[in-house]
Amino acid sequence: MIDLALFKEYTRELIATGILLILLVLFRILATKIVKNYAKSNQTLEHRTNLVIKYIHLFINILVTVALIIVWGVQTKDIIIALSAITTVVCVAM
């Protein structure tokens, strides 16, 4: 059974994380649509458009990662450990 005391202790962080994940999805969809519409109106090459979308998604992901680190209150001595873990996950995903 789920320990409700743990949930109550981290309620604000969990809600903020949920909001950040929803915003991540929305910003990625919105950025993709805006870039594709702009590329279509200016007759830009598709592979160039895809690269721009990829870089925008990377930038949005970095911002959300920084926001999550701030929300969860990672201490400065643990930042290196957190960044190495994130880098590992990103490298394995690629």
N, C-alpha and C. Protein backbone atom coordinates (compact mmCIF):
# COMPACT_ATOMS: atom_id res chain seq x y z
N MET A 1 0.83 -1.18 0.00
CA MET A 1 0.00 0.00 0.00
C MET A 1 0.89 1.25 0.00
N ILE A 2 0.38 2.30 -0.61
CA ILE A 2 1.13 3.54 -0.75
C ILE A 2 1.17 4.28 0.59
N ASP A 3 2.34 4.76 0.94
CA ASP A 3 2.51 5.51 2.16
C ASP A 3 2.03 6.95 1.94
N LEU A 4 0.90 7.32 2.54
CA LEU A 4 0.32 8.64 2.32
C LEU A 4 1.12 9.75 2.99
N ALA A 5 1.86 9.44 4.03
CA ALA A 5 2.67 10.46 4.68
C ALA A 5 3.76 10.97 3.74
N LEU A 6 4.32 10.07 2.95
CA LEU A 6 5.33 10.47 1.97
C LEU A 6 4.71 11.36 0.89
N PHE A 7 3.51 11.01 0.47
CA PHE A 7 2.81 11.82 -0.53
C PHE A 7 2.49 13.21 0.01
N LYS A 8 2.05 13.28 1.26
CA LYS A 8 1.73 14.57 1.86
C LYS A 8 2.97 15.44 2.02
N GLU A 9 4.10 14.81 2.28
CA GLU A 9 5.33 15.56 2.48
C GLU A 9 5.82 16.21 1.18
N TYR A 10 5.60 15.55 0.06
CA TYR A 10 6.10 16.04 -1.23
C TYR A 10 4.98 16.46 -2.17
N THR A 11 3.85 16.87 -1.65
CA THR A 11 2.71 17.23 -2.49
C THR A 11 3.05 18.38 -3.43
N ARG A 12 3.65 19.44 -2.92
CA ARG A 12 3.97 20.60 -3.76
C ARG A 12 4.93 20.22 -4.88
N GLU A 13 5.94 19.44 -4.57
CA GLU A 13 6.90 19.04 -5.58
C GLU A 13 6.27 18.16 -6.65
N LEU A 14 5.40 17.24 -6.22
CA LEU A 14 4.74 16.37 -7.19
C LEU A 14 3.81 17.14 -8.10
N ILE A 15 3.07 18.09 -7.55
CA ILE A 15 2.18 18.91 -8.37
C ILE A 15 2.99 19.77 -9.34
N ALA A 16 4.07 20.37 -8.87
CA ALA A 16 4.92 21.18 -9.74
C ALA A 16 5.55 20.32 -10.84
N THR A 17 5.94 19.10 -10.52
CA THR A 17 6.50 18.20 -11.52
C THR A 17 5.47 17.85 -12.58
N GLY A 18 4.25 17.57 -12.14
CA GLY A 18 3.18 17.28 -13.09
C GLY A 18 2.90 18.46 -14.02
N ILE A 19 2.86 19.65 -13.45
CA ILE A 19 2.63 20.85 -14.26
C ILE A 19 3.77 21.05 -15.25
N LEU A 20 5.01 20.86 -14.80
CA LEU A 20 6.15 21.00 -15.70
C LEU A 20 6.12 19.99 -16.84
N LEU A 21 5.72 18.77 -16.55
CA LEU A 21 5.66 17.76 -17.61
C LEU A 21 4.56 18.07 -18.62
N ILE A 22 3.43 18.58 -18.14
CA ILE A 22 2.35 18.99 -19.05
C ILE A 22 2.82 20.16 -19.91
N LEU A 23 3.49 21.14 -19.29
CA LEU A 23 4.01 22.28 -20.05
C LEU A 23 5.07 21.84 -21.05
N LEU A 24 5.87 20.86 -20.69
CA LEU A 24 6.88 20.33 -21.61
C LEU A 24 6.23 19.82 -22.89
N VAL A 25 5.21 19.01 -22.73
CA VAL A 25 4.52 18.44 -23.89
C VAL A 25 3.87 19.55 -24.72
N LEU A 26 3.20 20.48 -24.05
CA LEU A 26 2.53 21.57 -24.76
C LEU A 26 3.52 22.45 -25.51
N PHE A 27 4.64 22.83 -24.87
CA PHE A 27 5.63 23.67 -25.53
C PHE A 27 6.28 22.97 -26.72
N ARG A 28 6.52 21.68 -26.58
CA ARG A 28 7.12 20.95 -27.70
C ARG A 28 6.17 20.88 -28.88
N ILE A 29 4.89 20.61 -28.62
CA ILE A 29 3.91 20.57 -29.70
C ILE A 29 3.75 21.94 -30.34
N LEU A 30 3.65 22.97 -29.51
CA LEU A 30 3.48 24.33 -30.01
C LEU A 30 4.70 24.78 -30.82
N ALA A 31 5.89 24.51 -30.33
CA ALA A 31 7.11 24.89 -31.06
C ALA A 31 7.19 24.18 -32.40
N THR A 32 6.84 22.91 -32.43
CA THR A 32 6.88 22.15 -33.67
C THR A 32 5.91 22.73 -34.69
N LYS A 33 4.70 23.04 -34.26
CA LYS A 33 3.71 23.60 -35.19
C LYS A 33 4.13 24.96 -35.70
N ILE A 34 4.67 25.80 -34.83
CA ILE A 34 5.09 27.14 -35.25
C ILE A 34 6.22 27.05 -36.26
N VAL A 35 7.21 26.22 -35.99
CA VAL A 35 8.35 26.10 -36.90
C VAL A 35 7.93 25.51 -38.24
N LYS A 36 7.07 24.50 -38.22
CA LYS A 36 6.62 23.89 -39.49
C LYS A 36 5.78 24.86 -40.30
N ASN A 37 4.92 25.64 -39.65
CA ASN A 37 4.14 26.63 -40.39
C ASN A 37 5.03 27.71 -40.98
N TYR A 38 6.03 28.15 -40.22
CA TYR A 38 6.97 29.15 -40.73
C TYR A 38 7.76 28.59 -41.91
N ALA A 39 8.21 27.36 -41.79
CA ALA A 39 8.99 26.73 -42.86
C ALA A 39 8.14 26.56 -44.12
N LYS A 40 6.89 26.22 -43.92
CA LYS A 40 6.00 26.03 -45.07
C LYS A 40 5.76 27.35 -45.79
N SER A 41 5.59 28.43 -45.03
CA SER A 41 5.32 29.72 -45.66
C SER A 41 6.55 30.30 -46.34
N ASN A 42 7.73 29.94 -45.87
CA ASN A 42 8.97 30.46 -46.47
C ASN A 42 9.67 29.44 -47.35
N GLN A 43 9.06 28.32 -47.60
CA GLN A 43 9.59 27.26 -48.46
C GLN A 43 11.01 26.85 -48.04
N THR A 44 11.19 26.62 -46.74
CA THR A 44 12.48 26.19 -46.21
C THR A 44 12.61 24.68 -46.39
N LEU A 45 13.83 24.21 -46.54
CA LEU A 45 14.08 22.78 -46.70
C LEU A 45 13.62 22.01 -45.48
N GLU A 46 13.11 20.81 -45.72
CA GLU A 46 12.54 20.02 -44.62
C GLU A 46 13.61 19.55 -43.64
N HIS A 47 14.78 19.14 -44.11
CA HIS A 47 15.81 18.65 -43.18
C HIS A 47 16.32 19.79 -42.30
N ARG A 48 16.35 21.00 -42.84
CA ARG A 48 16.76 22.15 -42.03
C ARG A 48 15.69 22.43 -40.96
N THR A 49 14.44 22.32 -41.35
CA THR A 49 13.34 22.52 -40.41
C THR A 49 13.39 21.49 -39.29
N ASN A 50 13.67 20.25 -39.64
CA ASN A 50 13.75 19.20 -38.63
C ASN A 50 14.91 19.44 -37.66
N LEU A 51 16.02 19.99 -38.15
CA LEU A 51 17.14 20.31 -37.26
C LEU A 51 16.77 21.42 -36.29
N VAL A 52 16.08 22.43 -36.79
CA VAL A 52 15.65 23.53 -35.92
C VAL A 52 14.70 23.01 -34.85
N ILE A 53 13.78 22.16 -35.23
CA ILE A 53 12.84 21.57 -34.26
C ILE A 53 13.60 20.76 -33.22
N LYS A 54 14.59 20.01 -33.67
CA LYS A 54 15.39 19.19 -32.74
C LYS A 54 16.12 20.07 -31.73
N TYR A 55 16.70 21.17 -32.18
CA TYR A 55 17.42 22.07 -31.27
C TYR A 55 16.47 22.78 -30.31
N ILE A 56 15.30 23.15 -30.79
CA ILE A 56 14.31 23.78 -29.91
C ILE A 56 13.86 22.79 -28.84
N HIS A 57 13.62 21.55 -29.23
CA HIS A 57 13.23 20.53 -28.25
C HIS A 57 14.32 20.31 -27.22
N LEU A 58 15.57 20.30 -27.66
CA LEU A 58 16.68 20.14 -26.72
C LEU A 58 16.71 21.30 -25.73
N PHE A 59 16.54 22.52 -26.22
CA PHE A 59 16.53 23.70 -25.35
C PHE A 59 15.38 23.63 -24.34
N ILE A 60 14.20 23.24 -24.79
CA ILE A 60 13.05 23.11 -23.89
C ILE A 60 13.31 22.04 -22.84
N ASN A 61 13.88 20.92 -23.25
CA ASN A 61 14.20 19.84 -22.30
C ASN A 61 15.21 20.29 -21.25
N ILE A 62 16.20 21.06 -21.66
CA ILE A 62 17.20 21.56 -20.71
C ILE A 62 16.54 22.50 -19.70
N LEU A 63 15.66 23.38 -20.19
CA LEU A 63 14.97 24.29 -19.28
C LEU A 63 14.09 23.54 -18.28
N VAL A 64 13.39 22.52 -18.73
CA VAL A 64 12.54 21.74 -17.83
C VAL A 64 13.39 20.97 -16.83
N THR A 65 14.53 20.47 -17.26
CA THR A 65 15.43 19.75 -16.34
C THR A 65 15.94 20.68 -15.25
N VAL A 66 16.33 21.89 -15.63
CA VAL A 66 16.79 22.87 -14.64
C VAL A 66 15.65 23.21 -13.69
N ALA A 67 14.44 23.38 -14.23
CA ALA A 67 13.29 23.70 -13.39
C ALA A 67 12.99 22.56 -12.41
N LEU A 68 13.11 21.32 -12.86
CA LEU A 68 12.88 20.17 -11.96
C LEU A 68 13.94 20.11 -10.86
N ILE A 69 15.17 20.43 -11.20
CA ILE A 69 16.22 20.45 -10.19
C ILE A 69 15.92 21.51 -9.14
N ILE A 70 15.43 22.66 -9.59
CA ILE A 70 15.08 23.73 -8.65
C ILE A 70 13.88 23.34 -7.80
N VAL A 71 12.85 22.76 -8.43
CA VAL A 71 11.63 22.38 -7.70
C VAL A 71 11.93 21.36 -6.61
N TRP A 72 12.75 20.37 -6.93
CA TRP A 72 13.03 19.32 -5.96
C TRP A 72 14.12 19.70 -4.98
N GLY A 73 14.74 20.86 -5.17
CA GLY A 73 15.70 21.37 -4.19
C GLY A 73 16.96 20.55 -4.07
N VAL A 74 17.53 20.18 -5.19
CA VAL A 74 18.78 19.44 -5.17
C VAL A 74 19.87 20.35 -4.61
N GLN A 75 20.61 19.88 -3.64
CA GLN A 75 21.67 20.67 -3.03
C GLN A 75 22.84 20.81 -4.00
N THR A 76 23.61 21.86 -3.81
CA THR A 76 24.70 22.14 -4.75
C THR A 76 25.73 21.02 -4.81
N LYS A 77 25.97 20.34 -3.71
CA LYS A 77 26.95 19.25 -3.75
C LYS A 77 26.41 18.05 -4.53
N ASP A 78 25.08 17.97 -4.65
CA ASP A 78 24.47 16.87 -5.40
C ASP A 78 24.20 17.20 -6.86
N ILE A 79 24.46 18.45 -7.26
CA ILE A 79 24.20 18.86 -8.64
C ILE A 79 25.04 18.04 -9.61
N ILE A 80 26.29 17.81 -9.30
CA ILE A 80 27.17 17.06 -10.20
C ILE A 80 26.66 15.63 -10.37
N ILE A 81 26.21 15.05 -9.29
CA ILE A 81 25.66 13.69 -9.36
C ILE A 81 24.40 13.68 -10.21
N ALA A 82 23.53 14.67 -10.00
CA ALA A 82 22.28 14.76 -10.77
C ALA A 82 22.57 14.98 -12.25
N LEU A 83 23.50 15.87 -12.56
CA LEU A 83 23.83 16.15 -13.96
C LEU A 83 24.47 14.94 -14.64
N SER A 84 25.28 14.21 -13.92
CA SER A 84 25.89 13.01 -14.51
C SER A 84 24.83 11.95 -14.77
N ALA A 85 23.87 11.84 -13.88
CA ALA A 85 22.78 10.86 -14.09
C ALA A 85 21.92 11.26 -15.29
N ILE A 86 21.63 12.55 -15.39
CA ILE A 86 20.83 13.03 -16.52
C ILE A 86 21.59 12.83 -17.82
N THR A 87 22.87 13.13 -17.83
CA THR A 87 23.70 12.95 -19.03
C THR A 87 23.73 11.48 -19.43
N THR A 88 23.82 10.62 -18.48
CA THR A 88 23.82 9.19 -18.77
C THR A 88 22.52 8.76 -19.42
N VAL A 89 21.41 9.22 -18.89
CA VAL A 89 20.10 8.86 -19.44
C VAL A 89 19.96 9.41 -20.86
N VAL A 90 20.39 10.63 -21.09
CA VAL A 90 20.30 11.23 -22.42
C VAL A 90 21.19 10.46 -23.41
N CYS A 91 22.39 10.13 -23.00
CA CYS A 91 23.30 9.41 -23.90
C CYS A 91 22.79 8.02 -24.22
N VAL A 92 22.21 7.35 -23.27
CA VAL A 92 21.66 6.02 -23.52
C VAL A 92 20.44 6.13 -24.45
N ALA A 93 19.66 7.18 -24.30
CA ALA A 93 18.48 7.37 -25.13
C ALA A 93 18.85 7.65 -26.59
N MET A 94 19.99 8.31 -26.79
CA MET A 94 20.39 8.63 -28.16
C MET A 94 21.04 7.43 -28.79
